[in-house]
Amino acid sequence: MNPMPQNLWITTGYSLFAKEGPKGMKVEVIARRVGKSKSSFYHHFADLEVFTELLLAYHLERAKVIAEMERRCLNIDPDLIAVMVEVKEDLLFNRQLRVNRTEAAFKKCFEASNQLVEEALLEVWSREIGLADNTRLAGVMLALVMENFYLQLTEETLNREWLLNYFQGIRSMVGEFQKA
């Protein structure tokens, strides 16, 4: 089987899932966006469940690449923000996993991708929010912030200005905690 047509299906499905979540994953819609017939979908994938498993595997591979990009960030602004804007679709995909984490496979993928990111970000995160001397607390804070981040994230808000304001708010909050 030629992997190139399968890649087009995966990237198209990935984009669709990022925007609409599992409810938007209809073979007819994916096939129309790819410009192929439904039977072509079934030629490459046994069913939608197999396709979804491949999407999740693709997301974990993307998460590894993104974690490496984040690991190279020296600061939140501009480095991390630039990465986040660049990988917007991946963050939206992860948001859908979070929203739909009652599904065991989505929860497992969400947790695995978040772990990769948290590990990659912890050093720069700790330093940037003023908790370099307490990485344990910085890690707890990062987990809470990531949960809150996905609650607020939308396709419209995921831009440089929103991210800059979001991280400034986090820094202010941590500063207030440190004063107390």
N, C-alpha and C. Protein backbone atom coordinates (compact mmCIF):
# COMPACT_ATOMS: atom_id res chain seq x y z
N MET A 1 0.84 -1.17 0.00
CA MET A 1 0.00 0.00 0.00
C MET A 1 0.89 1.25 0.00
N ASN A 2 0.60 2.17 -0.86
CA ASN A 2 1.35 3.41 -0.99
C ASN A 2 1.06 4.31 0.22
N PRO A 3 2.07 4.70 1.01
CA PRO A 3 1.81 5.49 2.21
C PRO A 3 1.40 6.92 1.92
N MET A 4 1.71 7.46 0.75
CA MET A 4 1.39 8.85 0.46
C MET A 4 -0.11 9.14 0.50
N PRO A 5 -0.97 8.37 -0.19
CA PRO A 5 -2.40 8.66 -0.08
C PRO A 5 -2.89 8.51 1.36
N GLN A 6 -2.35 7.56 2.09
CA GLN A 6 -2.77 7.36 3.48
C GLN A 6 -2.39 8.60 4.30
N ASN A 7 -1.23 9.19 4.03
CA ASN A 7 -0.82 10.40 4.75
C ASN A 7 -1.80 11.55 4.52
N LEU A 8 -2.29 11.68 3.30
CA LEU A 8 -3.27 12.73 3.00
C LEU A 8 -4.55 12.52 3.81
N TRP A 9 -4.99 11.28 3.91
CA TRP A 9 -6.16 10.97 4.73
C TRP A 9 -5.90 11.35 6.19
N ILE A 10 -4.75 10.98 6.70
CA ILE A 10 -4.41 11.24 8.11
C ILE A 10 -4.34 12.74 8.38
N THR A 11 -3.62 13.48 7.56
CA THR A 11 -3.49 14.92 7.81
C THR A 11 -4.83 15.63 7.66
N THR A 12 -5.65 15.18 6.74
CA THR A 12 -6.98 15.76 6.58
C THR A 12 -7.85 15.44 7.79
N GLY A 13 -7.83 14.19 8.22
CA GLY A 13 -8.59 13.80 9.41
C GLY A 13 -8.10 14.50 10.66
N TYR A 14 -6.80 14.69 10.75
CA TYR A 14 -6.20 15.38 11.89
C TYR A 14 -6.72 16.80 11.99
N SER A 15 -6.72 17.48 10.87
CA SER A 15 -7.21 18.85 10.80
C SER A 15 -8.69 18.93 11.17
N LEU A 16 -9.46 18.00 10.65
CA LEU A 16 -10.89 17.96 10.94
C LEU A 16 -11.15 17.69 12.43
N PHE A 17 -10.42 16.74 13.00
CA PHE A 17 -10.57 16.42 14.42
C PHE A 17 -10.19 17.64 15.27
N ALA A 18 -9.12 18.34 14.88
CA ALA A 18 -8.67 19.51 15.63
C ALA A 18 -9.76 20.57 15.70
N LYS A 19 -10.52 20.70 14.64
CA LYS A 19 -11.57 21.73 14.59
C LYS A 19 -12.89 21.27 15.19
N GLU A 20 -13.26 20.01 14.95
CA GLU A 20 -14.61 19.56 15.30
C GLU A 20 -14.66 18.42 16.30
N GLY A 21 -13.52 17.81 16.61
CA GLY A 21 -13.51 16.70 17.53
C GLY A 21 -14.09 15.44 16.92
N PRO A 22 -14.34 14.44 17.73
CA PRO A 22 -14.80 13.15 17.20
C PRO A 22 -16.17 13.21 16.52
N LYS A 23 -17.00 14.15 16.93
CA LYS A 23 -18.32 14.24 16.29
C LYS A 23 -18.21 14.65 14.82
N GLY A 24 -17.14 15.30 14.45
CA GLY A 24 -16.94 15.71 13.06
C GLY A 24 -16.27 14.65 12.20
N MET A 25 -15.91 13.53 12.81
CA MET A 25 -15.19 12.48 12.09
C MET A 25 -16.18 11.57 11.37
N LYS A 26 -16.58 11.98 10.21
CA LYS A 26 -17.48 11.20 9.36
C LYS A 26 -16.73 10.84 8.09
N VAL A 27 -16.82 9.59 7.70
CA VAL A 27 -16.09 9.11 6.52
C VAL A 27 -16.44 9.95 5.30
N GLU A 28 -17.72 10.28 5.14
CA GLU A 28 -18.15 11.05 3.97
C GLU A 28 -17.46 12.42 3.93
N VAL A 29 -17.37 13.07 5.09
CA VAL A 29 -16.77 14.40 5.17
C VAL A 29 -15.27 14.32 4.88
N ILE A 30 -14.62 13.35 5.49
CA ILE A 30 -13.18 13.19 5.27
C ILE A 30 -12.91 12.90 3.80
N ALA A 31 -13.67 12.00 3.23
CA ALA A 31 -13.50 11.63 1.82
C ALA A 31 -13.70 12.84 0.91
N ARG A 32 -14.70 13.64 1.18
CA ARG A 32 -14.96 14.84 0.37
C ARG A 32 -13.77 15.80 0.46
N ARG A 33 -13.24 15.98 1.65
CA ARG A 33 -12.10 16.90 1.82
C ARG A 33 -10.83 16.39 1.14
N VAL A 34 -10.68 15.07 1.13
CA VAL A 34 -9.52 14.47 0.46
C VAL A 34 -9.73 14.46 -1.05
N GLY A 35 -11.00 14.49 -1.46
CA GLY A 35 -11.32 14.44 -2.89
C GLY A 35 -11.37 13.02 -3.42
N LYS A 36 -11.71 12.08 -2.55
CA LYS A 36 -11.80 10.66 -2.92
C LYS A 36 -13.14 10.12 -2.49
N SER A 37 -13.40 8.89 -2.89
CA SER A 37 -14.66 8.24 -2.52
C SER A 37 -14.55 7.60 -1.14
N LYS A 38 -15.72 7.30 -0.57
CA LYS A 38 -15.74 6.59 0.71
C LYS A 38 -15.06 5.24 0.60
N SER A 39 -15.23 4.57 -0.54
CA SER A 39 -14.61 3.25 -0.71
C SER A 39 -13.09 3.36 -0.68
N SER A 40 -12.56 4.48 -1.12
CA SER A 40 -11.11 4.70 -1.05
C SER A 40 -10.66 4.75 0.41
N PHE A 41 -11.47 5.37 1.27
CA PHE A 41 -11.16 5.41 2.69
C PHE A 41 -11.06 3.98 3.23
N TYR A 42 -12.05 3.16 2.90
CA TYR A 42 -12.07 1.79 3.41
C TYR A 42 -10.98 0.92 2.79
N HIS A 43 -10.48 1.34 1.65
CA HIS A 43 -9.34 0.64 1.04
C HIS A 43 -8.09 0.83 1.90
N HIS A 44 -7.94 2.02 2.46
CA HIS A 44 -6.75 2.33 3.28
C HIS A 44 -6.92 1.98 4.75
N PHE A 45 -8.17 2.04 5.23
CA PHE A 45 -8.44 1.84 6.66
C PHE A 45 -9.63 0.91 6.80
N ALA A 46 -9.55 -0.02 7.67
CA ALA A 46 -10.65 -0.99 7.84
C ALA A 46 -11.95 -0.30 8.26
N ASP A 47 -11.83 0.67 9.17
CA ASP A 47 -13.00 1.39 9.63
C ASP A 47 -12.55 2.68 10.32
N LEU A 48 -13.52 3.44 10.79
CA LEU A 48 -13.22 4.72 11.43
C LEU A 48 -12.43 4.53 12.73
N GLU A 49 -12.65 3.41 13.41
CA GLU A 49 -11.91 3.15 14.65
C GLU A 49 -10.41 2.98 14.37
N VAL A 50 -10.07 2.24 13.33
CA VAL A 50 -8.66 2.07 12.95
C VAL A 50 -8.07 3.42 12.54
N PHE A 51 -8.83 4.18 11.78
CA PHE A 51 -8.40 5.51 11.36
C PHE A 51 -8.12 6.40 12.57
N THR A 52 -9.01 6.38 13.54
CA THR A 52 -8.85 7.19 14.75
C THR A 52 -7.60 6.76 15.53
N GLU A 53 -7.35 5.47 15.61
CA GLU A 53 -6.13 4.99 16.26
C GLU A 53 -4.89 5.54 15.56
N LEU A 54 -4.92 5.58 14.24
CA LEU A 54 -3.80 6.13 13.49
C LEU A 54 -3.66 7.63 13.72
N LEU A 55 -4.78 8.35 13.85
CA LEU A 55 -4.73 9.77 14.17
C LEU A 55 -4.07 10.00 15.53
N LEU A 56 -4.42 9.17 16.50
CA LEU A 56 -3.84 9.31 17.84
C LEU A 56 -2.34 9.01 17.81
N ALA A 57 -1.95 8.01 17.06
CA ALA A 57 -0.52 7.69 16.93
C ALA A 57 0.21 8.85 16.24
N TYR A 58 -0.42 9.41 15.23
CA TYR A 58 0.16 10.56 14.53
C TYR A 58 0.32 11.74 15.50
N HIS A 59 -0.69 11.95 16.33
CA HIS A 59 -0.62 13.05 17.30
C HIS A 59 0.53 12.85 18.29
N LEU A 60 0.73 11.64 18.74
CA LEU A 60 1.84 11.39 19.66
C LEU A 60 3.19 11.63 18.99
N GLU A 61 3.30 11.29 17.72
CA GLU A 61 4.53 11.58 16.99
C GLU A 61 4.72 13.09 16.86
N ARG A 62 3.65 13.80 16.57
CA ARG A 62 3.71 15.26 16.49
C ARG A 62 4.09 15.83 17.87
N ALA A 63 3.54 15.27 18.93
CA ALA A 63 3.84 15.75 20.28
C ALA A 63 5.33 15.61 20.59
N LYS A 64 5.95 14.54 20.12
CA LYS A 64 7.39 14.35 20.33
C LYS A 64 8.18 15.43 19.60
N VAL A 65 7.79 15.74 18.39
CA VAL A 65 8.46 16.78 17.61
C VAL A 65 8.27 18.14 18.29
N ILE A 66 7.06 18.41 18.73
CA ILE A 66 6.76 19.69 19.38
C ILE A 66 7.51 19.80 20.70
N ALA A 67 7.56 18.73 21.45
CA ALA A 67 8.30 18.75 22.72
C ALA A 67 9.76 19.09 22.47
N GLU A 68 10.33 18.56 21.41
CA GLU A 68 11.72 18.89 21.09
C GLU A 68 11.86 20.36 20.72
N MET A 69 10.90 20.89 19.99
CA MET A 69 10.91 22.32 19.66
C MET A 69 10.82 23.15 20.93
N GLU A 70 9.96 22.75 21.84
CA GLU A 70 9.77 23.48 23.09
C GLU A 70 11.00 23.35 23.99
N ARG A 71 11.64 22.22 23.96
CA ARG A 71 12.84 22.01 24.77
C ARG A 71 13.95 23.00 24.39
N ARG A 72 13.95 23.43 23.14
CA ARG A 72 14.97 24.37 22.65
C ARG A 72 14.62 25.83 22.95
N CYS A 73 13.43 26.08 23.48
CA CYS A 73 13.02 27.45 23.80
C CYS A 73 13.83 28.00 24.96
N LEU A 74 14.30 29.21 24.80
CA LEU A 74 15.06 29.86 25.86
C LEU A 74 14.16 30.70 26.76
N ASN A 75 12.97 31.04 26.26
CA ASN A 75 12.06 31.89 27.01
C ASN A 75 10.63 31.67 26.50
N ILE A 76 9.68 32.23 27.24
CA ILE A 76 8.28 32.13 26.81
C ILE A 76 8.02 33.09 25.65
N ASP A 77 8.49 34.32 25.80
CA ASP A 77 8.32 35.31 24.74
C ASP A 77 9.68 35.77 24.27
N PRO A 78 10.01 35.52 23.03
CA PRO A 78 9.15 35.11 21.92
C PRO A 78 9.20 33.62 21.59
N ASP A 79 10.15 32.86 22.14
CA ASP A 79 10.40 31.50 21.66
C ASP A 79 9.20 30.56 21.78
N LEU A 80 8.70 30.36 23.00
CA LEU A 80 7.61 29.41 23.20
C LEU A 80 6.34 29.86 22.48
N ILE A 81 6.05 31.14 22.56
CA ILE A 81 4.86 31.65 21.88
C ILE A 81 4.94 31.40 20.38
N ALA A 82 6.10 31.58 19.79
CA ALA A 82 6.27 31.33 18.35
C ALA A 82 6.01 29.86 18.02
N VAL A 83 6.50 28.97 18.86
CA VAL A 83 6.27 27.54 18.65
C VAL A 83 4.77 27.25 18.75
N MET A 84 4.12 27.80 19.76
CA MET A 84 2.71 27.52 19.96
C MET A 84 1.85 28.01 18.80
N VAL A 85 2.19 29.16 18.26
CA VAL A 85 1.45 29.67 17.10
C VAL A 85 1.71 28.77 15.89
N GLU A 86 2.94 28.31 15.75
CA GLU A 86 3.30 27.43 14.62
C GLU A 86 2.56 26.10 14.68
N VAL A 87 2.33 25.58 15.88
CA VAL A 87 1.71 24.25 16.02
C VAL A 87 0.25 24.37 16.47
N LYS A 88 -0.39 25.40 16.04
CA LYS A 88 -1.78 25.71 16.42
C LYS A 88 -2.70 24.50 16.24
N GLU A 89 -2.63 23.86 15.09
CA GLU A 89 -3.52 22.72 14.82
C GLU A 89 -3.29 21.59 15.82
N ASP A 90 -2.06 21.35 16.18
CA ASP A 90 -1.74 20.30 17.15
C ASP A 90 -2.31 20.63 18.53
N LEU A 91 -2.23 21.89 18.92
CA LEU A 91 -2.80 22.30 20.21
C LEU A 91 -4.31 22.17 20.20
N LEU A 92 -4.93 22.50 19.07
CA LEU A 92 -6.38 22.35 18.96
C LEU A 92 -6.77 20.87 18.98
N PHE A 93 -5.96 20.02 18.36
CA PHE A 93 -6.20 18.58 18.41
C PHE A 93 -6.14 18.11 19.87
N ASN A 94 -5.11 18.55 20.58
CA ASN A 94 -4.95 18.16 21.98
C ASN A 94 -6.11 18.67 22.83
N ARG A 95 -6.61 19.86 22.49
CA ARG A 95 -7.78 20.39 23.19
C ARG A 95 -8.98 19.47 23.00
N GLN A 96 -9.16 18.98 21.79
CA GLN A 96 -10.28 18.05 21.54
C GLN A 96 -10.11 16.76 22.34
N LEU A 97 -8.88 16.31 22.47
CA LEU A 97 -8.63 15.12 23.29
C LEU A 97 -9.02 15.40 24.74
N ARG A 98 -8.66 16.59 25.23
CA ARG A 98 -8.99 16.96 26.60
C ARG A 98 -10.50 17.04 26.80
N VAL A 99 -11.19 17.69 25.88
CA VAL A 99 -12.64 17.85 25.98
C VAL A 99 -13.33 16.49 25.95
N ASN A 100 -12.80 15.57 25.17
CA ASN A 100 -13.42 14.26 24.97
C ASN A 100 -12.69 13.14 25.70
N ARG A 101 -12.04 13.48 26.80
CA ARG A 101 -11.22 12.48 27.49
C ARG A 101 -12.02 11.44 28.26
N THR A 102 -13.33 11.51 28.19
CA THR A 102 -14.12 10.41 28.76
C THR A 102 -13.92 9.14 27.94
N GLU A 103 -13.51 9.30 26.68
CA GLU A 103 -13.14 8.17 25.82
C GLU A 103 -11.73 7.75 26.23
N ALA A 104 -11.55 6.50 26.62
CA ALA A 104 -10.29 6.02 27.18
C ALA A 104 -9.09 6.28 26.27
N ALA A 105 -9.24 6.03 24.98
CA ALA A 105 -8.12 6.23 24.05
C ALA A 105 -7.74 7.70 23.96
N PHE A 106 -8.72 8.59 24.00
CA PHE A 106 -8.44 10.02 23.94
C PHE A 106 -7.73 10.47 25.22
N LYS A 107 -8.19 9.96 26.35
CA LYS A 107 -7.57 10.31 27.63
C LYS A 107 -6.11 9.85 27.67
N LYS A 108 -5.88 8.64 27.23
CA LYS A 108 -4.51 8.09 27.24
C LYS A 108 -3.59 8.93 26.34
N CYS A 109 -4.07 9.28 25.17
CA CYS A 109 -3.27 10.09 24.24
C CYS A 109 -3.04 11.48 24.79
N PHE A 110 -4.08 12.09 25.37
CA PHE A 110 -3.98 13.41 25.96
C PHE A 110 -2.93 13.42 27.07
N GLU A 111 -3.00 12.45 27.96
CA GLU A 111 -2.06 12.39 29.07
C GLU A 111 -0.63 12.16 28.59
N ALA A 112 -0.46 11.30 27.60
CA ALA A 112 0.89 11.03 27.07
C ALA A 112 1.46 12.27 26.39
N SER A 113 0.66 12.95 25.60
CA SER A 113 1.17 14.14 24.91
C SER A 113 1.46 15.26 25.90
N ASN A 114 0.62 15.42 26.91
CA ASN A 114 0.88 16.44 27.93
C ASN A 114 2.14 16.15 28.72
N GLN A 115 2.38 14.88 29.01
CA GLN A 115 3.60 14.53 29.75
C GLN A 115 4.85 14.91 28.95
N LEU A 116 4.82 14.64 27.65
CA LEU A 116 5.95 15.02 26.79
C LEU A 116 6.20 16.52 26.85
N VAL A 117 5.13 17.28 26.75
CA VAL A 117 5.24 18.73 26.75
C VAL A 117 5.69 19.25 28.11
N GLU A 118 5.09 18.75 29.17
CA GLU A 118 5.46 19.21 30.51
C GLU A 118 6.94 18.97 30.79
N GLU A 119 7.43 17.80 30.41
CA GLU A 119 8.85 17.50 30.62
C GLU A 119 9.73 18.44 29.81
N ALA A 120 9.30 18.74 28.59
CA ALA A 120 10.09 19.61 27.72
C ALA A 120 10.10 21.05 28.20
N LEU A 121 9.01 21.49 28.79
CA LEU A 121 8.85 22.89 29.18
C LEU A 121 9.32 23.22 30.58
N LEU A 122 9.48 22.24 31.43
CA LEU A 122 9.67 22.51 32.85
C LEU A 122 10.83 23.46 33.14
N GLU A 123 11.95 23.29 32.49
CA GLU A 123 13.10 24.15 32.79
C GLU A 123 12.82 25.61 32.45
N VAL A 124 12.39 25.87 31.21
CA VAL A 124 12.13 27.26 30.83
C VAL A 124 10.94 27.82 31.60
N TRP A 125 9.94 27.00 31.84
CA TRP A 125 8.76 27.42 32.59
C TRP A 125 9.15 27.85 34.01
N SER A 126 9.92 27.00 34.69
CA SER A 126 10.35 27.29 36.07
C SER A 126 11.09 28.62 36.14
N ARG A 127 11.99 28.80 35.22
CA ARG A 127 12.80 30.02 35.21
C ARG A 127 11.93 31.25 34.89
N GLU A 128 11.08 31.13 33.89
CA GLU A 128 10.30 32.27 33.41
C GLU A 128 9.23 32.73 34.41
N ILE A 129 8.72 31.83 35.23
CA ILE A 129 7.69 32.26 36.19
C ILE A 129 8.29 32.52 37.57
N GLY A 130 9.61 32.44 37.66
CA GLY A 130 10.27 32.77 38.92
C GLY A 130 10.29 31.66 39.94
N LEU A 131 10.19 30.41 39.47
CA LEU A 131 10.23 29.26 40.39
C LEU A 131 11.38 28.30 40.04
N ALA A 132 12.48 28.86 39.54
CA ALA A 132 13.61 28.02 39.17
C ALA A 132 14.17 27.25 40.36
N ASP A 133 14.00 27.80 41.55
CA ASP A 133 14.51 27.13 42.74
C ASP A 133 13.52 26.11 43.32
N ASN A 134 12.35 25.98 42.71
CA ASN A 134 11.35 25.04 43.20
C ASN A 134 10.65 24.38 42.00
N THR A 135 11.37 23.48 41.34
CA THR A 135 10.82 22.87 40.12
C THR A 135 9.61 21.99 40.42
N ARG A 136 9.52 21.46 41.62
CA ARG A 136 8.34 20.65 41.97
C ARG A 136 7.09 21.51 41.94
N LEU A 137 7.16 22.67 42.58
CA LEU A 137 6.03 23.60 42.57
C LEU A 137 5.77 24.12 41.15
N ALA A 138 6.83 24.39 40.42
CA ALA A 138 6.68 24.85 39.04
C ALA A 138 5.97 23.79 38.20
N GLY A 139 6.28 22.52 38.43
CA GLY A 139 5.62 21.43 37.71
C GLY A 139 4.14 21.33 38.03
N VAL A 140 3.79 21.48 39.30
CA VAL A 140 2.38 21.47 39.70
C VAL A 140 1.66 22.65 39.05
N MET A 141 2.31 23.79 39.10
CA MET A 141 1.73 25.00 38.49
C MET A 141 1.55 24.82 36.98
N LEU A 142 2.52 24.21 36.33
CA LEU A 142 2.43 23.98 34.89
C LEU A 142 1.25 23.07 34.55
N ALA A 143 1.05 22.02 35.33
CA ALA A 143 -0.08 21.12 35.09
C ALA A 143 -1.40 21.86 35.24
N LEU A 144 -1.52 22.70 36.25
CA LEU A 144 -2.75 23.49 36.44
C LEU A 144 -2.95 24.49 35.30
N VAL A 145 -1.88 25.13 34.91
CA VAL A 145 -1.97 26.12 33.83
C VAL A 145 -2.35 25.44 32.52
N MET A 146 -1.81 24.27 32.27
CA MET A 146 -2.15 23.57 31.02
C MET A 146 -3.63 23.19 31.00
N GLU A 147 -4.15 22.76 32.12
CA GLU A 147 -5.57 22.43 32.20
C GLU A 147 -6.41 23.68 31.92
N ASN A 148 -6.06 24.77 32.55
CA ASN A 148 -6.76 26.04 32.33
C ASN A 148 -6.60 26.53 30.90
N PHE A 149 -5.43 26.36 30.35
CA PHE A 149 -5.12 26.78 28.97
C PHE A 149 -6.08 26.12 27.99
N TYR A 150 -6.26 24.81 28.12
CA TYR A 150 -7.14 24.10 27.19
C TYR A 150 -8.61 24.45 27.39
N LEU A 151 -8.98 24.89 28.57
CA LEU A 151 -10.36 25.35 28.80
C LEU A 151 -10.65 26.64 28.03
N GLN A 152 -9.64 27.47 27.90
CA GLN A 152 -9.81 28.78 27.25
C GLN A 152 -9.50 28.78 25.77
N LEU A 153 -8.78 27.79 25.33
CA LEU A 153 -8.25 27.77 23.96
C LEU A 153 -9.35 27.60 22.91
N THR A 154 -9.31 28.46 21.91
CA THR A 154 -10.16 28.31 20.72
C THR A 154 -9.31 28.62 19.50
N GLU A 155 -9.83 28.30 18.35
CA GLU A 155 -9.10 28.60 17.11
C GLU A 155 -8.88 30.11 16.97
N GLU A 156 -9.86 30.90 17.41
CA GLU A 156 -9.76 32.35 17.29
C GLU A 156 -8.78 32.96 18.29
N THR A 157 -8.70 32.39 19.50
CA THR A 157 -7.84 32.99 20.52
C THR A 157 -6.39 32.56 20.41
N LEU A 158 -6.14 31.48 19.72
CA LEU A 158 -4.76 30.97 19.66
C LEU A 158 -3.93 31.81 18.69
N ASN A 159 -3.44 32.91 19.23
CA ASN A 159 -2.58 33.81 18.45
C ASN A 159 -1.56 34.43 19.39
N ARG A 160 -0.60 35.12 18.84
CA ARG A 160 0.50 35.68 19.63
C ARG A 160 0.00 36.62 20.73
N GLU A 161 -0.91 37.52 20.40
CA GLU A 161 -1.39 38.49 21.37
C GLU A 161 -2.09 37.81 22.55
N TRP A 162 -2.98 36.86 22.25
CA TRP A 162 -3.68 36.16 23.32
C TRP A 162 -2.71 35.39 24.20
N LEU A 163 -1.76 34.69 23.58
CA LEU A 163 -0.78 33.92 24.34
C LEU A 163 0.08 34.83 25.22
N LEU A 164 0.49 35.96 24.68
CA LEU A 164 1.30 36.90 25.45
C LEU A 164 0.52 37.38 26.68
N ASN A 165 -0.74 37.74 26.51
CA ASN A 165 -1.58 38.17 27.63
C ASN A 165 -1.80 37.04 28.63
N TYR A 166 -2.00 35.83 28.11
CA TYR A 166 -2.23 34.67 28.97
C TYR A 166 -1.01 34.44 29.87
N PHE A 167 0.18 34.42 29.27
CA PHE A 167 1.39 34.17 30.06
C PHE A 167 1.71 35.33 31.01
N GLN A 168 1.39 36.55 30.61
CA GLN A 168 1.58 37.68 31.53
C GLN A 168 0.67 37.54 32.74
N GLY A 169 -0.55 37.08 32.52
CA GLY A 169 -1.48 36.83 33.63
C GLY A 169 -0.96 35.76 34.57
N ILE A 170 -0.37 34.71 34.03
CA ILE A 170 0.20 33.64 34.85
C ILE A 170 1.36 34.19 35.70
N ARG A 171 2.24 34.97 35.05
CA ARG A 171 3.36 35.56 35.79
C ARG A 171 2.86 36.44 36.93
N SER A 172 1.83 37.23 36.66
CA SER A 172 1.27 38.11 37.71
C SER A 172 0.70 37.29 38.86
N MET A 173 -0.01 36.23 38.52
CA MET A 173 -0.60 35.38 39.55
C MET A 173 0.48 34.75 40.43
N VAL A 174 1.54 34.23 39.80
CA VAL A 174 2.62 33.61 40.56
C VAL A 174 3.30 34.68 41.42
N GLY A 175 3.47 35.88 40.90
CA GLY A 175 4.05 36.98 41.68
C GLY A 175 3.22 37.28 42.92
N GLU A 176 1.91 37.28 42.77
CA GLU A 176 1.03 37.53 43.92
C GLU A 176 1.13 36.41 44.95
N PHE A 177 1.23 35.17 44.49
CA PHE A 177 1.39 34.05 45.42
C PHE A 177 2.70 34.18 46.19
N GLN A 178 3.74 34.60 45.50
CA GLN A 178 5.04 34.71 46.14
C GLN A 178 5.06 35.84 47.18
N LYS A 179 4.24 36.86 47.00
CA LYS A 179 4.16 37.96 47.98
C LYS A 179 3.47 37.50 49.26
N ALA A 180 2.54 36.57 49.11
CA ALA A 180 1.73 36.15 50.27
C ALA A 180 2.51 35.35 51.28
